[in-house]
N, C-alpha and C. Protein backbone atom coordinates (compact mmCIF):
# COMPACT_ATOMS: atom_id res chain seq x y z
N MET A 1 -30.84 15.91 -19.50
CA MET A 1 -30.66 14.71 -20.42
C MET A 1 -30.50 13.30 -19.42
N LEU A 2 -29.90 13.37 -17.88
CA LEU A 2 -29.70 12.46 -17.20
C LEU A 2 -31.44 12.19 -16.71
N GLN A 3 -32.15 13.17 -16.34
CA GLN A 3 -33.27 12.65 -16.14
C GLN A 3 -34.35 12.02 -16.76
N ALA A 4 -33.90 12.33 -18.07
CA ALA A 4 -34.86 11.83 -19.35
C ALA A 4 -34.69 10.25 -19.40
N ILE A 5 -33.42 9.75 -18.76
CA ILE A 5 -33.33 8.07 -18.90
C ILE A 5 -33.02 7.79 -17.56
N ASP A 6 -32.82 8.53 -16.58
CA ASP A 6 -32.92 8.06 -15.12
C ASP A 6 -34.76 7.46 -14.73
N LEU A 7 -35.30 8.64 -14.57
CA LEU A 7 -36.79 8.39 -13.95
C LEU A 7 -37.43 7.17 -15.00
N PRO A 8 -37.26 7.18 -16.27
CA PRO A 8 -38.35 5.91 -17.17
C PRO A 8 -36.95 4.74 -16.47
N LEU A 9 -36.20 4.61 -16.35
CA LEU A 9 -35.13 3.27 -16.07
C LEU A 9 -35.46 2.93 -14.26
N PHE A 10 -35.75 4.08 -13.79
CA PHE A 10 -36.16 3.81 -12.64
C PHE A 10 -37.41 2.86 -12.36
N HIS A 11 -38.28 3.63 -13.05
CA HIS A 11 -39.94 3.38 -12.94
C HIS A 11 -39.55 1.51 -13.69
N LEU A 12 -38.76 1.20 -14.33
CA LEU A 12 -38.59 -0.08 -14.71
C LEU A 12 -38.31 -1.02 -14.56
N LEU A 13 -37.02 -0.59 -13.54
CA LEU A 13 -36.10 -1.67 -12.58
C LEU A 13 -37.25 -1.57 -11.37
N ASN A 14 -37.23 -0.77 -10.96
CA ASN A 14 -38.14 -0.28 -9.33
C ASN A 14 -39.39 -1.82 -9.25
N ALA A 15 -39.01 -2.92 -8.09
CA ALA A 15 -40.12 -3.70 -8.02
C ALA A 15 -41.63 -3.11 -7.49
N GLY A 16 -42.68 -3.00 -8.25
CA GLY A 16 -44.13 -2.86 -7.47
C GLY A 16 -44.80 -3.38 -7.52
N ALA A 17 -45.83 -3.48 -6.41
CA ALA A 17 -46.90 -3.86 -5.75
C ALA A 17 -47.08 -5.55 -6.67
N GLY A 18 -47.04 -5.73 -7.84
CA GLY A 18 -47.30 -6.84 -8.82
C GLY A 18 -45.99 -7.59 -9.35
N SER A 19 -44.92 -7.51 -8.70
CA SER A 19 -44.01 -8.27 -9.07
C SER A 19 -43.84 -9.21 -7.96
N PRO A 20 -42.83 -10.22 -8.76
CA PRO A 20 -43.30 -11.52 -7.73
C PRO A 20 -42.11 -11.44 -6.14
N ALA A 21 -42.66 -12.12 -5.50
CA ALA A 21 -42.39 -12.21 -4.05
C ALA A 21 -40.76 -12.52 -3.81
N TRP A 22 -40.50 -13.54 -4.91
CA TRP A 22 -39.12 -14.11 -5.08
C TRP A 22 -38.34 -12.93 -5.56
N TRP A 23 -38.43 -12.02 -6.59
CA TRP A 23 -37.79 -11.48 -7.21
C TRP A 23 -37.38 -10.43 -6.08
N ILE A 24 -38.46 -9.54 -5.36
CA ILE A 24 -38.65 -8.53 -4.30
C ILE A 24 -37.34 -9.09 -3.21
N ALA A 25 -37.41 -10.32 -3.08
CA ALA A 25 -36.31 -11.35 -1.70
C ALA A 25 -35.30 -11.49 -1.76
N SER A 26 -34.81 -11.56 -3.53
CA SER A 26 -33.43 -11.43 -4.24
C SER A 26 -32.65 -10.51 -4.07
N ALA A 27 -33.94 -9.55 -4.47
CA ALA A 27 -32.77 -7.74 -4.03
C ALA A 27 -32.67 -7.50 -2.86
N ARG A 28 -33.66 -7.94 -1.45
CA ARG A 28 -33.05 -7.24 -0.38
C ARG A 28 -32.14 -8.52 -0.23
N GLY A 29 -31.99 -9.63 -0.25
CA GLY A 29 -30.89 -10.23 0.10
C GLY A 29 -29.32 -10.11 -0.69
N ALA A 30 -29.40 -9.65 -1.90
CA ALA A 30 -28.25 -8.95 -2.37
C ALA A 30 -28.04 -7.67 -1.89
N SER A 31 -29.23 -6.83 -1.45
CA SER A 31 -28.83 -5.79 -0.80
C SER A 31 -28.41 -5.88 0.48
N ALA A 32 -28.84 -7.00 1.30
CA ALA A 32 -28.17 -6.71 2.57
C ALA A 32 -27.08 -7.74 2.80
N TRP A 33 -27.35 -9.04 2.94
CA TRP A 33 -25.81 -9.96 3.15
C TRP A 33 -25.04 -10.21 1.96
N LEU A 34 -25.41 -9.91 0.52
CA LEU A 34 -24.07 -10.11 -0.36
C LEU A 34 -23.23 -9.09 -0.41
N PRO A 35 -22.89 -7.82 0.20
CA PRO A 35 -21.79 -7.14 0.03
C PRO A 35 -21.05 -7.26 1.38
N GLY A 36 -21.42 -7.92 2.25
CA GLY A 36 -20.84 -8.36 3.62
C GLY A 36 -20.16 -9.64 3.46
N ALA A 37 -20.79 -10.58 3.00
CA ALA A 37 -20.48 -12.12 2.73
C ALA A 37 -19.52 -12.06 1.48
N CYS A 38 -18.90 -10.90 0.41
CA CYS A 38 -18.19 -11.33 -0.35
C CYS A 38 -17.00 -10.60 0.25
N MET A 39 -17.20 -9.37 0.68
CA MET A 39 -15.81 -8.79 1.53
C MET A 39 -15.58 -10.31 2.67
N ALA A 40 -16.33 -10.65 3.51
CA ALA A 40 -15.63 -11.55 4.29
C ALA A 40 -15.19 -12.71 3.56
N ALA A 41 -15.44 -13.32 2.77
CA ALA A 41 -15.36 -14.44 1.67
C ALA A 41 -13.79 -13.47 1.22
N LEU A 42 -13.80 -12.79 0.39
CA LEU A 42 -12.20 -12.48 -0.12
C LEU A 42 -11.66 -11.98 0.65
N GLY A 43 -11.95 -11.66 1.79
CA GLY A 43 -10.71 -10.87 2.74
C GLY A 43 -9.89 -12.25 2.95
N LEU A 44 -10.88 -13.19 3.54
CA LEU A 44 -10.46 -14.24 3.96
C LEU A 44 -9.30 -14.95 2.89
N TRP A 45 -10.16 -14.94 2.05
CA TRP A 45 -9.14 -15.62 1.02
C TRP A 45 -8.02 -14.77 0.62
N MET A 46 -7.83 -13.67 0.84
CA MET A 46 -6.79 -12.82 0.55
C MET A 46 -5.95 -12.95 1.67
N CYS A 47 -6.09 -12.74 2.82
CA CYS A 47 -5.41 -13.53 3.64
C CYS A 47 -4.51 -15.09 3.90
N LEU A 48 -5.10 -15.92 3.28
CA LEU A 48 -4.59 -17.38 2.78
C LEU A 48 -3.57 -16.74 1.99
N GLN A 49 -3.09 -16.25 1.15
CA GLN A 49 -2.58 -15.81 0.20
C GLN A 49 -0.83 -15.53 0.31
N GLY A 50 -0.76 -15.34 1.65
CA GLY A 50 0.26 -15.16 2.39
C GLY A 50 0.90 -13.35 2.25
N PRO A 51 2.04 -13.13 2.40
CA PRO A 51 2.25 -11.36 2.19
C PRO A 51 1.86 -10.90 0.64
N ALA A 52 1.62 -11.78 0.05
CA ALA A 52 0.97 -10.96 -1.16
C ALA A 52 -0.04 -10.19 -1.36
N GLY A 53 -0.70 -11.39 -0.46
CA GLY A 53 -2.25 -11.39 -0.38
C GLY A 53 -2.86 -10.57 0.95
N LEU A 54 -1.68 -10.68 1.69
CA LEU A 54 -2.21 -9.11 2.49
C LEU A 54 -2.05 -7.78 2.38
N ARG A 55 -0.97 -7.75 0.96
CA ARG A 55 -0.46 -6.14 0.35
C ARG A 55 -2.28 -5.80 0.17
N LYS A 56 -2.57 -6.79 -1.03
CA LYS A 56 -3.69 -6.51 -1.68
C LYS A 56 -5.14 -6.28 -0.94
N LEU A 57 -5.21 -7.50 0.09
CA LEU A 57 -6.06 -7.04 1.30
C LEU A 57 -6.03 -5.45 1.67
N GLY A 58 -4.63 -5.17 2.18
CA GLY A 58 -4.64 -3.52 2.84
C GLY A 58 -4.94 -2.35 1.55
N ARG A 59 -4.60 -2.59 0.33
CA ARG A 59 -4.91 -1.98 -0.60
C ARG A 59 -6.86 -2.17 -1.08
N THR A 60 -7.45 -3.12 -1.09
CA THR A 60 -8.69 -3.31 -0.96
C THR A 60 -9.37 -2.67 0.21
N ALA A 61 -9.19 -2.67 1.27
CA ALA A 61 -9.50 -1.92 2.12
C ALA A 61 -9.24 0.05 2.29
N ALA A 62 -8.06 0.08 1.35
CA ALA A 62 -7.46 1.49 1.57
C ALA A 62 -8.99 1.77 0.44
N ALA A 63 -9.25 1.17 -0.83
CA ALA A 63 -9.90 1.40 -1.81
C ALA A 63 -11.44 2.08 -1.18
N LEU A 64 -12.09 0.70 -0.22
CA LEU A 64 -13.14 0.84 0.82
C LEU A 64 -13.32 1.74 1.01
N SER A 65 -12.56 2.17 1.86
CA SER A 65 -12.67 3.79 2.78
C SER A 65 -12.69 4.99 1.66
N LEU A 66 -11.74 4.67 0.72
CA LEU A 66 -11.44 6.02 0.11
C LEU A 66 -13.17 5.82 -0.36
N ALA A 67 -13.68 5.04 -0.72
CA ALA A 67 -15.04 5.15 -1.61
C ALA A 67 -15.62 5.82 -0.24
N TRP A 68 -16.09 5.09 0.65
CA TRP A 68 -16.88 5.38 1.77
C TRP A 68 -16.69 6.92 1.76
N LEU A 69 -15.34 7.41 2.11
CA LEU A 69 -15.07 8.89 2.47
C LEU A 69 -15.44 9.85 1.02
N ALA A 70 -15.52 9.33 0.00
CA ALA A 70 -16.09 10.48 -1.09
C ALA A 70 -17.31 10.13 -1.31
N CYS A 71 -18.22 9.38 -1.13
CA CYS A 71 -19.33 9.25 -0.78
C CYS A 71 -20.21 10.23 -0.14
N ARG A 72 -19.31 10.15 1.24
CA ARG A 72 -20.24 11.24 2.25
C ARG A 72 -19.79 12.43 1.63
N LEU A 73 -18.72 12.87 1.18
CA LEU A 73 -18.31 13.99 0.89
C LEU A 73 -19.19 14.51 -0.23
N ILE A 74 -19.33 13.82 -1.25
CA ILE A 74 -19.99 14.28 -2.15
C ILE A 74 -21.48 14.39 -1.68
N ARG A 75 -21.98 13.62 -0.73
CA ARG A 75 -23.24 13.50 -0.47
C ARG A 75 -23.46 15.13 0.85
N TRP A 76 -22.39 15.21 1.35
CA TRP A 76 -22.71 16.26 1.89
C TRP A 76 -22.61 17.81 0.89
N GLY A 77 -21.33 17.72 0.00
CA GLY A 77 -21.46 18.85 -0.92
C GLY A 77 -22.60 19.30 -1.98
N LEU A 78 -23.17 17.78 -2.21
CA LEU A 78 -24.49 17.81 -3.56
C LEU A 78 -25.43 16.92 -3.03
N PRO A 79 -26.39 17.27 -2.20
CA PRO A 79 -27.31 16.52 -1.46
C PRO A 79 -28.04 16.12 -2.15
N MET A 80 -28.10 15.49 -3.32
CA MET A 80 -29.26 14.80 -4.21
C MET A 80 -29.93 13.42 -3.58
N PRO A 81 -31.38 14.24 -3.15
CA PRO A 81 -32.59 13.50 -2.84
C PRO A 81 -33.24 12.02 -3.11
N ARG A 82 -33.06 11.08 -2.10
CA ARG A 82 -33.39 9.44 -2.82
C ARG A 82 -35.08 9.89 -3.70
N PRO A 83 -35.18 8.62 -4.06
CA PRO A 83 -36.38 8.61 -4.71
C PRO A 83 -38.15 8.72 -3.85
N ALA A 84 -37.68 8.40 -2.81
CA ALA A 84 -39.02 8.55 -2.01
C ALA A 84 -39.17 10.17 -1.21
N PHE A 85 -38.35 10.87 -1.45
CA PHE A 85 -38.26 12.27 -1.19
C PHE A 85 -39.21 12.75 -2.03
N TYR A 86 -39.49 12.22 -3.47
CA TYR A 86 -40.24 12.89 -4.60
C TYR A 86 -41.62 11.88 -4.64
N GLY A 87 -41.47 11.08 -3.75
CA GLY A 87 -43.02 10.09 -3.54
C GLY A 87 -43.06 9.13 -4.85
N LEU A 88 -41.87 8.86 -5.02
CA LEU A 88 -41.33 7.82 -6.62
C LEU A 88 -41.54 6.48 -6.20
N GLY A 89 -41.78 5.86 -6.97
CA GLY A 89 -41.91 3.95 -6.85
C GLY A 89 -42.51 3.98 -5.57
N VAL A 90 -41.93 2.43 -5.45
CA VAL A 90 -42.51 1.67 -4.10
C VAL A 90 -40.66 0.97 -3.52
N GLN A 91 -40.75 1.20 -2.00
CA GLN A 91 -39.73 1.21 -0.99
C GLN A 91 -39.74 0.24 -0.35
N TRP A 92 -38.98 -1.06 -0.85
CA TRP A 92 -38.99 -2.46 -0.14
C TRP A 92 -38.56 -2.59 1.28
N ILE A 93 -37.70 -1.44 1.74
CA ILE A 93 -36.61 -1.69 2.48
C ILE A 93 -36.82 0.03 3.27
N ALA A 94 -36.70 -0.14 4.52
CA ALA A 94 -36.53 1.20 5.53
C ALA A 94 -35.67 1.83 5.09
N HIS A 95 -35.87 3.20 4.94
CA HIS A 95 -34.91 3.88 4.00
C HIS A 95 -34.87 5.47 4.38
N ASN A 96 -34.18 6.27 4.71
CA ASN A 96 -34.68 7.69 4.89
C ASN A 96 -34.64 8.61 3.37
N THR A 97 -34.98 9.49 3.20
CA THR A 97 -35.48 10.08 1.92
C THR A 97 -34.17 11.20 1.83
N GLY A 98 -33.29 11.51 2.67
CA GLY A 98 -31.84 12.25 2.54
C GLY A 98 -30.96 11.75 1.41
N ALA A 99 -30.07 12.53 1.29
CA ALA A 99 -28.85 12.50 0.30
C ALA A 99 -28.72 10.98 -0.27
N GLY A 100 -29.09 10.66 -1.60
CA GLY A 100 -28.39 9.24 -1.92
C GLY A 100 -27.54 9.22 -3.26
N MET A 101 -27.16 9.97 -3.77
CA MET A 101 -25.81 10.48 -4.38
C MET A 101 -24.90 10.53 -3.91
N PRO A 102 -23.69 9.50 -4.50
CA PRO A 102 -23.66 8.39 -4.81
C PRO A 102 -24.24 7.27 -4.02
N SER A 103 -24.75 5.89 -4.71
CA SER A 103 -25.16 4.99 -3.68
C SER A 103 -24.13 4.22 -3.15
N LEU A 104 -23.81 4.20 -1.84
CA LEU A 104 -22.74 3.44 -0.96
C LEU A 104 -22.60 2.51 -1.59
N HIS A 105 -24.02 1.67 -1.32
CA HIS A 105 -23.76 0.37 -1.92
C HIS A 105 -23.08 0.06 -3.27
N ALA A 106 -23.46 1.01 -3.85
CA ALA A 106 -22.81 0.55 -5.24
C ALA A 106 -21.08 0.94 -5.28
N ALA A 107 -20.93 1.89 -4.69
CA ALA A 107 -19.56 2.49 -4.79
C ALA A 107 -18.78 1.42 -3.54
N GLY A 108 -19.27 0.95 -2.48
CA GLY A 108 -18.68 -0.53 -2.35
C GLY A 108 -18.25 -1.35 -2.93
N ALA A 109 -19.46 -1.93 -3.74
CA ALA A 109 -19.12 -2.88 -4.15
C ALA A 109 -18.37 -2.88 -5.53
N PHE A 110 -18.32 -1.50 -6.45
CA PHE A 110 -17.49 -1.30 -7.40
C PHE A 110 -16.24 -1.40 -7.16
N ALA A 111 -15.82 -0.33 -5.75
CA ALA A 111 -14.42 -0.53 -5.36
C ALA A 111 -13.88 -1.98 -5.11
N LEU A 112 -14.57 -2.92 -4.87
CA LEU A 112 -13.92 -3.90 -4.20
C LEU A 112 -13.67 -4.89 -5.83
N ALA A 113 -15.18 -4.91 -6.52
CA ALA A 113 -14.81 -5.17 -8.06
C ALA A 113 -13.60 -4.66 -9.02
N MET A 114 -13.28 -3.53 -8.62
CA MET A 114 -11.82 -2.56 -9.04
C MET A 114 -10.83 -3.35 -8.71
N ALA A 115 -11.10 -3.47 -7.18
CA ALA A 115 -9.76 -3.90 -6.80
C ALA A 115 -9.58 -5.11 -6.90
N ILE A 116 -10.37 -6.11 -6.89
CA ILE A 116 -9.94 -7.60 -7.39
C ILE A 116 -9.47 -7.34 -8.97
N GLN A 117 -10.37 -6.68 -9.76
CA GLN A 117 -9.93 -6.38 -11.02
C GLN A 117 -7.93 -6.36 -10.79
N LEU A 118 -7.72 -5.04 -10.36
CA LEU A 118 -6.19 -4.67 -10.50
C LEU A 118 -5.05 -5.76 -9.81
N GLY A 119 -5.67 -6.71 -8.56
CA GLY A 119 -4.96 -6.74 -8.27
C GLY A 119 -5.12 -8.46 -8.07
N TRP A 120 -5.71 -9.25 -9.20
CA TRP A 120 -6.08 -10.81 -9.04
C TRP A 120 -6.00 -10.91 -10.47
N ALA A 121 -6.37 -10.07 -11.52
CA ALA A 121 -6.96 -10.72 -13.06
C ALA A 121 -5.80 -11.27 -13.56
N ARG A 122 -4.61 -11.33 -13.08
CA ARG A 122 -3.42 -12.20 -14.13
C ARG A 122 -3.52 -13.38 -13.56
N GLN A 123 -3.69 -13.62 -12.26
CA GLN A 123 -3.47 -15.14 -11.47
C GLN A 123 -4.79 -15.83 -11.77
N LYS A 124 -5.97 -14.92 -11.25
CA LYS A 124 -7.48 -15.76 -11.39
C LYS A 124 -8.13 -15.36 -11.77
N ARG A 125 -8.04 -15.51 -13.52
CA ARG A 125 -8.86 -14.80 -14.46
C ARG A 125 -10.47 -15.16 -14.45
N TRP A 126 -10.85 -16.44 -13.43
CA TRP A 126 -12.33 -15.88 -13.10
C TRP A 126 -12.80 -14.84 -12.12
N LEU A 127 -11.51 -14.82 -11.28
CA LEU A 127 -12.64 -14.11 -10.16
C LEU A 127 -13.18 -12.67 -10.44
N PRO A 128 -12.03 -11.87 -11.21
CA PRO A 128 -12.93 -10.42 -11.56
C PRO A 128 -13.95 -10.49 -12.13
N PRO A 129 -14.38 -11.66 -13.12
CA PRO A 129 -15.96 -11.11 -13.48
C PRO A 129 -16.71 -11.30 -13.04
N LEU A 130 -16.27 -12.89 -11.60
CA LEU A 130 -17.49 -12.84 -10.69
C LEU A 130 -17.80 -12.07 -9.82
N VAL A 131 -16.74 -11.24 -9.47
CA VAL A 131 -17.11 -10.11 -8.74
C VAL A 131 -17.25 -8.84 -9.13
N TRP A 132 -17.51 -8.72 -10.26
CA TRP A 132 -17.86 -7.77 -11.12
C TRP A 132 -19.73 -8.09 -11.28
N ALA A 133 -20.12 -9.30 -11.59
CA ALA A 133 -21.82 -9.84 -11.89
C ALA A 133 -22.02 -9.54 -10.49
N LEU A 134 -21.23 -9.88 -9.10
CA LEU A 134 -22.43 -9.65 -8.15
C LEU A 134 -21.95 -8.25 -7.17
N ALA A 135 -20.86 -7.46 -8.08
CA ALA A 135 -21.30 -5.95 -7.65
C ALA A 135 -22.78 -5.42 -8.32
N THR A 136 -22.92 -5.50 -9.97
CA THR A 136 -23.47 -5.36 -10.43
C THR A 136 -24.78 -5.90 -9.84
N LEU A 137 -25.29 -6.79 -9.57
CA LEU A 137 -26.48 -7.41 -8.70
C LEU A 137 -26.35 -6.63 -7.46
N VAL A 138 -25.75 -6.21 -6.80
CA VAL A 138 -25.63 -5.64 -4.94
C VAL A 138 -25.98 -4.34 -5.81
N ALA A 139 -25.75 -3.44 -6.79
CA ALA A 139 -25.95 -2.13 -7.10
C ALA A 139 -27.31 -1.89 -7.82
N LEU A 140 -27.60 -3.44 -9.08
CA LEU A 140 -29.20 -3.18 -8.98
C LEU A 140 -30.26 -2.73 -8.24
N SER A 141 -29.75 -4.38 -6.99
CA SER A 141 -31.08 -4.29 -6.21
C SER A 141 -31.35 -3.01 -5.27
N ARG A 142 -30.53 -1.96 -5.55
CA ARG A 142 -31.03 -1.08 -4.85
C ARG A 142 -31.71 0.01 -5.15
N VAL A 143 -32.28 -0.46 -7.10
CA VAL A 143 -33.14 0.23 -7.60
C VAL A 143 -34.47 -0.26 -7.80
N VAL A 144 -34.18 -1.49 -7.57
CA VAL A 144 -35.16 -2.68 -7.58
C VAL A 144 -36.24 -2.37 -6.38
N LEU A 145 -35.39 -2.37 -5.14
CA LEU A 145 -35.79 -1.76 -3.81
C LEU A 145 -36.40 -0.53 -3.56
N GLY A 146 -36.16 0.35 -4.35
CA GLY A 146 -36.37 1.91 -5.04
C GLY A 146 -36.33 2.62 -3.99
N VAL A 147 -34.62 2.38 -3.75
CA VAL A 147 -33.68 3.42 -2.55
C VAL A 147 -32.75 4.46 -3.61
N HIS A 148 -32.90 4.06 -4.68
CA HIS A 148 -31.74 4.84 -5.30
C HIS A 148 -32.21 4.63 -6.32
N PHE A 149 -31.79 6.11 -7.28
CA PHE A 149 -32.23 6.15 -8.78
C PHE A 149 -30.73 5.07 -9.18
N PRO A 150 -31.03 4.96 -10.88
CA PRO A 150 -30.16 4.60 -11.83
C PRO A 150 -28.52 5.64 -11.44
N SER A 151 -29.19 6.91 -11.87
CA SER A 151 -27.87 7.53 -11.72
C SER A 151 -26.66 7.72 -10.60
N ASP A 152 -28.13 7.57 -9.36
CA ASP A 152 -27.18 7.11 -8.08
C ASP A 152 -25.86 6.17 -8.18
N ILE A 153 -26.34 5.34 -8.94
CA ILE A 153 -25.69 3.85 -9.01
C ILE A 153 -24.51 3.86 -10.04
N LEU A 154 -24.88 4.41 -10.96
CA LEU A 154 -23.53 5.03 -11.88
C LEU A 154 -22.74 5.87 -11.17
N ALA A 155 -23.10 6.83 -10.52
CA ALA A 155 -22.16 7.72 -9.54
C ALA A 155 -21.29 6.69 -8.61
N GLY A 156 -21.87 5.72 -8.11
CA GLY A 156 -21.31 4.67 -7.16
C GLY A 156 -20.25 4.05 -7.84
N LEU A 157 -20.75 3.73 -8.95
CA LEU A 157 -19.77 3.08 -9.84
C LEU A 157 -18.32 3.57 -10.23
N LEU A 158 -18.56 4.98 -10.62
CA LEU A 158 -17.79 5.76 -11.02
C LEU A 158 -16.62 6.08 -9.33
N VAL A 159 -17.32 6.20 -8.56
CA VAL A 159 -16.35 6.92 -6.94
C VAL A 159 -15.98 5.33 -6.88
N GLY A 160 -16.49 4.06 -6.86
CA GLY A 160 -15.95 3.25 -6.28
C GLY A 160 -14.49 2.48 -7.18
N CYS A 161 -14.67 2.76 -8.62
CA CYS A 161 -13.79 2.27 -9.00
C CYS A 161 -12.43 3.15 -9.55
N ALA A 162 -12.96 4.16 -9.18
CA ALA A 162 -11.93 5.38 -9.15
C ALA A 162 -10.99 5.13 -7.68
N SER A 163 -11.86 5.05 -6.52
CA SER A 163 -11.03 4.93 -5.21
C SER A 163 -10.13 3.65 -5.44
N ALA A 164 -10.78 2.51 -6.25
CA ALA A 164 -9.97 1.51 -6.10
C ALA A 164 -8.26 1.93 -6.89
N TRP A 165 -8.72 3.06 -8.10
CA TRP A 165 -7.63 2.86 -9.06
C TRP A 165 -6.70 4.38 -8.24
N LEU A 166 -6.97 4.77 -7.71
CA LEU A 166 -6.22 5.96 -6.50
C LEU A 166 -5.49 4.81 -5.50
N ALA A 167 -6.11 3.97 -5.04
CA ALA A 167 -5.61 3.18 -3.79
C ALA A 167 -4.30 2.63 -4.19
N TRP A 168 -4.78 1.61 -5.35
CA TRP A 168 -3.62 0.95 -5.97
C TRP A 168 -2.84 1.79 -6.51
N ARG A 169 -2.60 3.06 -7.13
CA ARG A 169 -1.81 3.89 -7.66
C ARG A 169 -0.86 4.04 -7.04
N VAL A 170 -1.64 4.63 -5.50
CA VAL A 170 -0.72 5.04 -4.65
C VAL A 170 0.18 4.13 -3.63
N ALA A 171 -0.09 2.56 -3.64
CA ALA A 171 0.50 1.53 -3.09
C ALA A 171 1.56 1.20 -3.84
N ARG A 172 1.60 1.83 -5.15
CA ARG A 172 2.41 1.19 -6.55
C ARG A 172 3.49 2.13 -6.84
N ALA A 173 3.10 3.43 -6.02
CA ALA A 173 4.27 4.43 -6.22
C ALA A 173 5.61 4.17 -5.65
N PRO A 174 6.52 4.59 -6.10
CA PRO A 174 7.94 4.56 -5.45
C PRO A 174 7.88 5.17 -4.22
N ALA A 175 8.52 4.59 -3.31
CA ALA A 175 8.86 5.22 -1.58
C ALA A 175 9.92 6.34 -2.22
N PRO A 176 9.98 7.64 -1.51
CA PRO A 176 10.56 8.77 -2.04
C PRO A 176 11.84 8.24 -1.11
N GLN A 177 13.30 8.43 -1.94
CA GLN A 177 14.45 8.35 -1.49
C GLN A 177 14.58 9.20 -0.46
N PRO A 178 15.34 8.86 0.36
CA PRO A 178 16.12 9.71 1.30
C PRO A 178 17.22 10.58 0.51
N PRO A 179 17.64 11.40 0.93
CA PRO A 179 18.72 12.47 0.20
C PRO A 179 20.09 12.04 0.33
N GLU A 180 20.98 12.14 -0.78
CA GLU A 180 22.03 11.53 -0.54
C GLU A 180 23.04 12.08 0.44
N LEU A 181 23.71 11.11 1.08
CA LEU A 181 24.31 11.85 2.40
C LEU A 181 25.66 12.19 1.75
N PRO A 182 26.70 13.17 2.14
CA PRO A 182 27.92 13.43 1.96
C PRO A 182 28.81 12.33 2.20
N ARG A 183 29.65 12.17 1.44
CA ARG A 183 30.87 11.14 1.80
C ARG A 183 31.54 11.72 2.94
N HIS A 184 32.59 11.06 3.63
CA HIS A 184 33.82 11.50 4.56
C HIS A 184 34.68 12.29 3.80
N GLY A 185 35.02 13.32 4.24
CA GLY A 185 35.78 14.67 4.07
C GLY A 185 35.34 15.52 3.08
N HIS A 186 33.68 14.76 2.13
CA HIS A 186 33.25 15.74 1.26
C HIS A 186 32.05 16.62 1.39
N LEU A 187 32.40 18.06 1.14
CA LEU A 187 30.96 18.32 1.71
C LEU A 187 30.39 18.96 0.17
N PRO A 188 28.98 19.00 0.17
CA PRO A 188 28.52 18.77 -1.14
C PRO A 188 28.59 20.47 -1.39
N ALA A 189 28.43 20.46 -2.81
CA ALA A 189 28.46 22.06 -3.47
C ALA A 189 27.29 22.89 -3.46
């Protein structure tokens, strides 16, 4: 069933030979520099927010690391080829034909978006929608450029969001308490 949706959607979104040059250039920019620019800008901004911002930066870095690791493990265990492997679409950037599910770009972008959602939604209501929109641009650019199927993007979204949720959940878990020590002259029963 997924293939019945995945292939037509891929062909609809993948830029063809007749696509405007600005559309392809925009997708290349969103894919190449937008992830790094967003991470750098948000990382710097979090550093300037004091100790709370640094804690959130640590959780965000953990979310990104978990997303990367999960993608690598999934690709290793379930190597689903990219469109180029099947000779589908037009690839607008040089890329291998190996495993592409889940999309690392999508997983990283959505891990960052979910981390911002979890860490800043109350204080900066404008920030999460902006970062979600940018994550969506990064993810869709990978299909426009022909290096991922839409299902790769969906898998990246799930991996990224789950990684951020796990990083925040673990960071908020109470630290284990040491066992209670006996008082002077009293031995535990």
